Amino acid sequence: MVEKPLVWVGSSLEDLRDFPAEARRLAGYQLRRVQSGRMPSEWKPMKTIGPGVNEIRIHTGIECRVFYLARFSEAIYVLHAFEKRTRQTPRGNIDLARRRFAELRMLRTKRKER
């Protein structure tokens, strides 16, 4: 199976680079699993963001999360990466991922129209 490329939406790559070293390493490992067609070790669907969006859950001393979309054949889209400091995912993180998901859908629609 050919690995799908990662497409970083917005500041998601820079945000992931700000993770502590161990969380960054684990996030990379989990994204590599997704690229090769497997599921991450610990994840959950994020239907509140959009259909097909999943959350990679990274547990180190700090909780980190990565929202991604892998349902399209051309790439895996990383929508958002952040450190989670409260039990519930902060509304701002969900809203940001929703906006990026909507922008991605519009961009893909425009490409198809060409």
N, C-alpha and C. Protein backbone atom coordinates (compact mmCIF):
# COMPACT_ATOMS: atom_id res chain seq x y z
N MET A 1 0.84 -1.18 0.00
CA MET A 1 0.00 0.00 0.00
C MET A 1 0.89 1.25 0.00
N VAL A 2 0.56 2.20 -0.82
CA VAL A 2 1.29 3.45 -0.91
C VAL A 2 0.84 4.36 0.24
N GLU A 3 1.80 4.96 0.91
CA GLU A 3 1.46 5.86 2.01
C GLU A 3 0.89 7.17 1.48
N LYS A 4 -0.16 7.62 2.10
CA LYS A 4 -0.73 8.92 1.75
C LYS A 4 0.14 10.02 2.34
N PRO A 5 0.29 11.12 1.62
CA PRO A 5 1.04 12.24 2.19
C PRO A 5 0.21 12.94 3.27
N LEU A 6 0.91 13.62 4.17
CA LEU A 6 0.25 14.46 5.17
C LEU A 6 0.15 15.87 4.61
N VAL A 7 -1.01 16.47 4.76
CA VAL A 7 -1.21 17.88 4.40
C VAL A 7 -1.56 18.60 5.69
N TRP A 8 -0.74 19.55 6.05
CA TRP A 8 -0.92 20.29 7.29
C TRP A 8 -1.77 21.52 7.01
N VAL A 9 -2.90 21.62 7.68
CA VAL A 9 -3.84 22.72 7.46
C VAL A 9 -3.59 23.80 8.51
N GLY A 10 -3.55 25.04 8.05
CA GLY A 10 -3.32 26.15 8.97
C GLY A 10 -1.98 26.02 9.67
N SER A 11 -1.98 26.24 10.97
CA SER A 11 -0.75 26.19 11.76
C SER A 11 -0.53 24.84 12.43
N SER A 12 -1.21 23.79 11.95
CA SER A 12 -1.14 22.50 12.64
C SER A 12 0.28 21.94 12.76
N LEU A 13 1.11 22.10 11.73
CA LEU A 13 2.49 21.60 11.82
C LEU A 13 3.27 22.37 12.89
N GLU A 14 3.17 23.67 12.88
CA GLU A 14 3.87 24.47 13.89
C GLU A 14 3.36 24.15 15.29
N ASP A 15 2.06 23.94 15.41
CA ASP A 15 1.48 23.60 16.71
C ASP A 15 2.01 22.26 17.20
N LEU A 16 2.11 21.28 16.31
CA LEU A 16 2.64 19.97 16.70
C LEU A 16 4.12 20.08 17.07
N ARG A 17 4.84 20.91 16.37
CA ARG A 17 6.27 21.10 16.69
C ARG A 17 6.47 21.72 18.07
N ASP A 18 5.43 22.38 18.60
CA ASP A 18 5.51 22.96 19.94
C ASP A 18 5.24 21.94 21.05
N PHE A 19 4.81 20.72 20.69
CA PHE A 19 4.60 19.68 21.69
C PHE A 19 5.93 19.35 22.37
N PRO A 20 5.87 18.85 23.62
CA PRO A 20 7.09 18.31 24.23
C PRO A 20 7.65 17.17 23.37
N ALA A 21 8.94 16.91 23.46
CA ALA A 21 9.62 15.95 22.59
C ALA A 21 8.93 14.59 22.55
N GLU A 22 8.57 14.02 23.69
CA GLU A 22 7.96 12.69 23.71
C GLU A 22 6.59 12.70 23.03
N ALA A 23 5.80 13.73 23.27
CA ALA A 23 4.48 13.84 22.63
C ALA A 23 4.64 14.01 21.12
N ARG A 24 5.64 14.77 20.71
CA ARG A 24 5.92 14.97 19.27
C ARG A 24 6.28 13.65 18.61
N ARG A 25 7.13 12.87 19.28
CA ARG A 25 7.54 11.57 18.76
C ARG A 25 6.33 10.63 18.63
N LEU A 26 5.49 10.59 19.66
CA LEU A 26 4.31 9.72 19.63
C LEU A 26 3.31 10.17 18.56
N ALA A 27 3.14 11.47 18.41
CA ALA A 27 2.23 11.99 17.38
C ALA A 27 2.73 11.57 16.00
N GLY A 28 4.03 11.69 15.77
CA GLY A 28 4.60 11.28 14.48
C GLY A 28 4.39 9.81 14.22
N TYR A 29 4.59 8.99 15.26
CA TYR A 29 4.38 7.54 15.11
C TYR A 29 2.93 7.22 14.77
N GLN A 30 1.99 7.88 15.44
CA GLN A 30 0.57 7.62 15.19
C GLN A 30 0.15 8.11 13.81
N LEU A 31 0.66 9.26 13.39
CA LEU A 31 0.34 9.74 12.05
C LEU A 31 0.93 8.81 10.98
N ARG A 32 2.09 8.24 11.23
CA ARG A 32 2.68 7.28 10.30
C ARG A 32 1.79 6.05 10.18
N ARG A 33 1.21 5.60 11.29
CA ARG A 33 0.26 4.47 11.25
C ARG A 33 -0.92 4.82 10.34
N VAL A 34 -1.46 6.04 10.48
CA VAL A 34 -2.59 6.47 9.67
C VAL A 34 -2.18 6.53 8.20
N GLN A 35 -0.99 7.03 7.92
CA GLN A 35 -0.51 7.11 6.54
C GLN A 35 -0.44 5.73 5.89
N SER A 36 -0.14 4.71 6.67
CA SER A 36 -0.02 3.37 6.10
C SER A 36 -1.34 2.60 6.14
N GLY A 37 -2.45 3.30 6.43
CA GLY A 37 -3.76 2.68 6.36
C GLY A 37 -4.25 2.05 7.65
N ARG A 38 -3.51 2.21 8.73
CA ARG A 38 -3.93 1.65 10.02
C ARG A 38 -4.53 2.76 10.89
N MET A 39 -5.15 2.35 11.96
CA MET A 39 -5.72 3.31 12.91
C MET A 39 -4.68 3.61 13.98
N PRO A 40 -4.76 4.80 14.58
CA PRO A 40 -3.86 5.10 15.70
C PRO A 40 -4.14 4.17 16.88
N SER A 41 -3.20 4.07 17.78
CA SER A 41 -3.38 3.22 18.96
C SER A 41 -4.53 3.68 19.83
N GLU A 42 -4.63 4.99 20.04
CA GLU A 42 -5.74 5.52 20.83
C GLU A 42 -6.33 6.72 20.10
N TRP A 43 -7.62 6.62 19.78
CA TRP A 43 -8.27 7.64 18.99
C TRP A 43 -9.76 7.64 19.30
N LYS A 44 -10.43 8.69 18.82
CA LYS A 44 -11.89 8.70 18.88
C LYS A 44 -12.40 9.55 17.73
N PRO A 45 -13.59 9.22 17.21
CA PRO A 45 -14.17 10.04 16.14
C PRO A 45 -14.60 11.39 16.70
N MET A 46 -14.46 12.41 15.88
CA MET A 46 -14.84 13.77 16.28
C MET A 46 -15.93 14.27 15.33
N LYS A 47 -17.10 13.66 15.42
CA LYS A 47 -18.22 14.01 14.55
C LYS A 47 -18.66 15.45 14.74
N THR A 48 -18.37 16.04 15.90
CA THR A 48 -18.74 17.44 16.13
C THR A 48 -17.94 18.38 15.24
N ILE A 49 -16.78 17.93 14.73
CA ILE A 49 -15.97 18.74 13.84
C ILE A 49 -16.40 18.52 12.40
N GLY A 50 -16.60 17.26 12.04
CA GLY A 50 -17.02 16.94 10.68
C GLY A 50 -16.96 15.45 10.44
N PRO A 51 -17.68 14.96 9.42
CA PRO A 51 -17.67 13.53 9.13
C PRO A 51 -16.28 13.06 8.72
N GLY A 52 -15.84 11.99 9.35
CA GLY A 52 -14.54 11.41 9.03
C GLY A 52 -13.38 11.98 9.82
N VAL A 53 -13.63 13.00 10.65
CA VAL A 53 -12.55 13.59 11.45
C VAL A 53 -12.34 12.74 12.70
N ASN A 54 -11.08 12.42 12.97
CA ASN A 54 -10.72 11.65 14.16
C ASN A 54 -9.73 12.43 15.00
N GLU A 55 -9.62 12.01 16.25
CA GLU A 55 -8.70 12.63 17.20
C GLU A 55 -7.70 11.57 17.65
N ILE A 56 -6.43 11.87 17.50
CA ILE A 56 -5.38 11.03 18.08
C ILE A 56 -5.16 11.54 19.50
N ARG A 57 -5.15 10.61 20.45
CA ARG A 57 -4.99 10.97 21.85
C ARG A 57 -3.59 10.55 22.31
N ILE A 58 -2.83 11.52 22.77
CA ILE A 58 -1.45 11.28 23.18
C ILE A 58 -1.34 11.57 24.68
N HIS A 59 -0.90 10.55 25.41
CA HIS A 59 -0.79 10.66 26.86
C HIS A 59 0.69 10.64 27.27
N THR A 60 1.17 11.79 27.66
CA THR A 60 2.49 11.89 28.28
C THR A 60 2.23 12.66 29.57
N GLY A 61 3.17 13.38 30.09
CA GLY A 61 2.90 14.21 31.26
C GLY A 61 1.85 15.26 30.94
N ILE A 62 1.76 15.63 29.68
CA ILE A 62 0.77 16.58 29.18
C ILE A 62 -0.08 15.86 28.15
N GLU A 63 -1.37 16.08 28.21
CA GLU A 63 -2.27 15.48 27.21
C GLU A 63 -2.20 16.29 25.93
N CYS A 64 -2.00 15.62 24.80
CA CYS A 64 -1.97 16.29 23.50
C CYS A 64 -2.97 15.62 22.58
N ARG A 65 -3.48 16.39 21.64
CA ARG A 65 -4.46 15.89 20.69
C ARG A 65 -4.11 16.35 19.28
N VAL A 66 -4.43 15.49 18.31
CA VAL A 66 -4.25 15.82 16.89
C VAL A 66 -5.55 15.44 16.19
N PHE A 67 -6.19 16.41 15.53
CA PHE A 67 -7.39 16.17 14.73
C PHE A 67 -6.95 15.96 13.28
N TYR A 68 -7.44 14.90 12.67
CA TYR A 68 -7.06 14.62 11.28
C TYR A 68 -8.24 14.05 10.51
N LEU A 69 -8.11 14.10 9.19
CA LEU A 69 -9.12 13.58 8.27
C LEU A 69 -8.40 12.69 7.26
N ALA A 70 -8.76 11.41 7.20
CA ALA A 70 -8.06 10.46 6.33
C ALA A 70 -8.97 9.82 5.29
N ARG A 71 -10.17 10.31 5.14
CA ARG A 71 -11.12 9.60 4.27
C ARG A 71 -10.94 9.89 2.78
N PHE A 72 -10.15 10.89 2.43
CA PHE A 72 -9.94 11.21 1.03
C PHE A 72 -8.73 10.44 0.51
N SER A 73 -8.78 10.05 -0.76
CA SER A 73 -7.74 9.19 -1.32
C SER A 73 -6.40 9.90 -1.53
N GLU A 74 -6.43 11.22 -1.70
CA GLU A 74 -5.20 11.92 -2.07
C GLU A 74 -4.26 12.23 -0.90
N ALA A 75 -4.80 12.34 0.33
CA ALA A 75 -3.94 12.76 1.43
C ALA A 75 -4.63 12.57 2.77
N ILE A 76 -3.85 12.71 3.82
CA ILE A 76 -4.35 12.80 5.19
C ILE A 76 -4.19 14.26 5.59
N TYR A 77 -5.27 14.87 5.98
CA TYR A 77 -5.27 16.28 6.34
C TYR A 77 -5.21 16.42 7.86
N VAL A 78 -4.17 17.06 8.35
CA VAL A 78 -4.04 17.32 9.78
C VAL A 78 -4.66 18.70 10.02
N LEU A 79 -5.78 18.72 10.72
CA LEU A 79 -6.54 19.94 10.90
C LEU A 79 -6.07 20.79 12.08
N HIS A 80 -5.65 20.13 13.15
CA HIS A 80 -5.29 20.88 14.36
C HIS A 80 -4.50 19.99 15.30
N ALA A 81 -3.56 20.58 16.02
CA ALA A 81 -2.78 19.90 17.05
C ALA A 81 -2.68 20.85 18.24
N PHE A 82 -2.93 20.32 19.44
CA PHE A 82 -2.93 21.19 20.62
C PHE A 82 -2.69 20.39 21.89
N GLU A 83 -2.25 21.10 22.92
CA GLU A 83 -2.13 20.52 24.25
C GLU A 83 -3.46 20.71 24.96
N LYS A 84 -3.94 19.65 25.56
CA LYS A 84 -5.23 19.69 26.25
C LYS A 84 -4.97 19.82 27.75
N ARG A 85 -5.43 20.90 28.33
CA ARG A 85 -5.15 21.17 29.74
C ARG A 85 -6.37 21.01 30.64
N THR A 86 -7.53 20.73 30.05
CA THR A 86 -8.75 20.52 30.84
C THR A 86 -9.36 19.19 30.44
N ARG A 87 -10.26 18.70 31.25
CA ARG A 87 -10.90 17.41 30.97
C ARG A 87 -11.69 17.45 29.66
N GLN A 88 -12.41 18.52 29.44
CA GLN A 88 -13.21 18.66 28.22
C GLN A 88 -12.40 19.44 27.18
N THR A 89 -12.53 19.05 25.91
CA THR A 89 -11.82 19.77 24.85
C THR A 89 -12.36 21.20 24.79
N PRO A 90 -11.46 22.19 24.89
CA PRO A 90 -11.92 23.58 24.86
C PRO A 90 -12.65 23.92 23.56
N ARG A 91 -13.69 24.69 23.70
CA ARG A 91 -14.54 25.08 22.56
C ARG A 91 -13.73 25.73 21.44
N GLY A 92 -12.76 26.55 21.79
CA GLY A 92 -11.94 27.22 20.79
C GLY A 92 -11.20 26.25 19.88
N ASN A 93 -10.73 25.14 20.44
CA ASN A 93 -10.05 24.14 19.63
C ASN A 93 -11.01 23.44 18.67
N ILE A 94 -12.20 23.17 19.13
CA ILE A 94 -13.20 22.53 18.27
C ILE A 94 -13.63 23.50 17.17
N ASP A 95 -13.86 24.76 17.54
CA ASP A 95 -14.27 25.76 16.54
C ASP A 95 -13.20 25.97 15.48
N LEU A 96 -11.94 26.03 15.89
CA LEU A 96 -10.84 26.19 14.93
C LEU A 96 -10.79 25.00 13.97
N ALA A 97 -10.90 23.79 14.49
CA ALA A 97 -10.88 22.60 13.63
C ALA A 97 -12.08 22.59 12.68
N ARG A 98 -13.24 23.02 13.15
CA ARG A 98 -14.43 23.10 12.28
C ARG A 98 -14.21 24.07 11.13
N ARG A 99 -13.62 25.24 11.44
CA ARG A 99 -13.35 26.22 10.38
C ARG A 99 -12.38 25.64 9.36
N ARG A 100 -11.34 24.99 9.83
CA ARG A 100 -10.36 24.40 8.91
C ARG A 100 -10.98 23.28 8.09
N PHE A 101 -11.87 22.50 8.69
CA PHE A 101 -12.57 21.45 7.96
C PHE A 101 -13.43 22.06 6.87
N ALA A 102 -14.16 23.12 7.19
CA ALA A 102 -15.02 23.80 6.20
C ALA A 102 -14.17 24.39 5.07
N GLU A 103 -13.04 25.00 5.40
CA GLU A 103 -12.16 25.56 4.38
C GLU A 103 -11.62 24.45 3.47
N LEU A 104 -11.26 23.34 4.06
CA LEU A 104 -10.76 22.20 3.28
C LEU A 104 -11.83 21.69 2.32
N ARG A 105 -13.06 21.58 2.77
CA ARG A 105 -14.15 21.12 1.90
C ARG A 105 -14.37 22.08 0.74
N MET A 106 -14.33 23.38 1.02
CA MET A 106 -14.51 24.38 -0.05
C MET A 106 -13.36 24.30 -1.05
N LEU A 107 -12.16 24.16 -0.57
CA LEU A 107 -10.99 24.07 -1.44
C LEU A 107 -11.08 22.83 -2.34
N ARG A 108 -11.46 21.70 -1.77
CA ARG A 108 -11.58 20.47 -2.56
C ARG A 108 -12.70 20.60 -3.59
N THR A 109 -13.80 21.28 -3.26
CA THR A 109 -14.91 21.48 -4.20
C THR A 109 -14.45 22.34 -5.36
N LYS A 110 -13.70 23.41 -5.08
CA LYS A 110 -13.20 24.28 -6.14
C LYS A 110 -12.25 23.53 -7.07
N ARG A 111 -11.42 22.67 -6.53
CA ARG A 111 -10.50 21.87 -7.37
C ARG A 111 -11.26 20.96 -8.30
N LYS A 112 -12.34 20.37 -7.82
CA LYS A 112 -13.14 19.45 -8.64
C LYS A 112 -13.84 20.19 -9.76
N GLU A 113 -14.18 21.46 -9.54
CA GLU A 113 -14.90 22.24 -10.54
C GLU A 113 -14.00 22.65 -11.71
N ARG A 114 -12.71 22.63 -11.51
CA ARG A 114 -11.77 23.05 -12.57
C ARG A 114 -11.64 22.03 -13.64
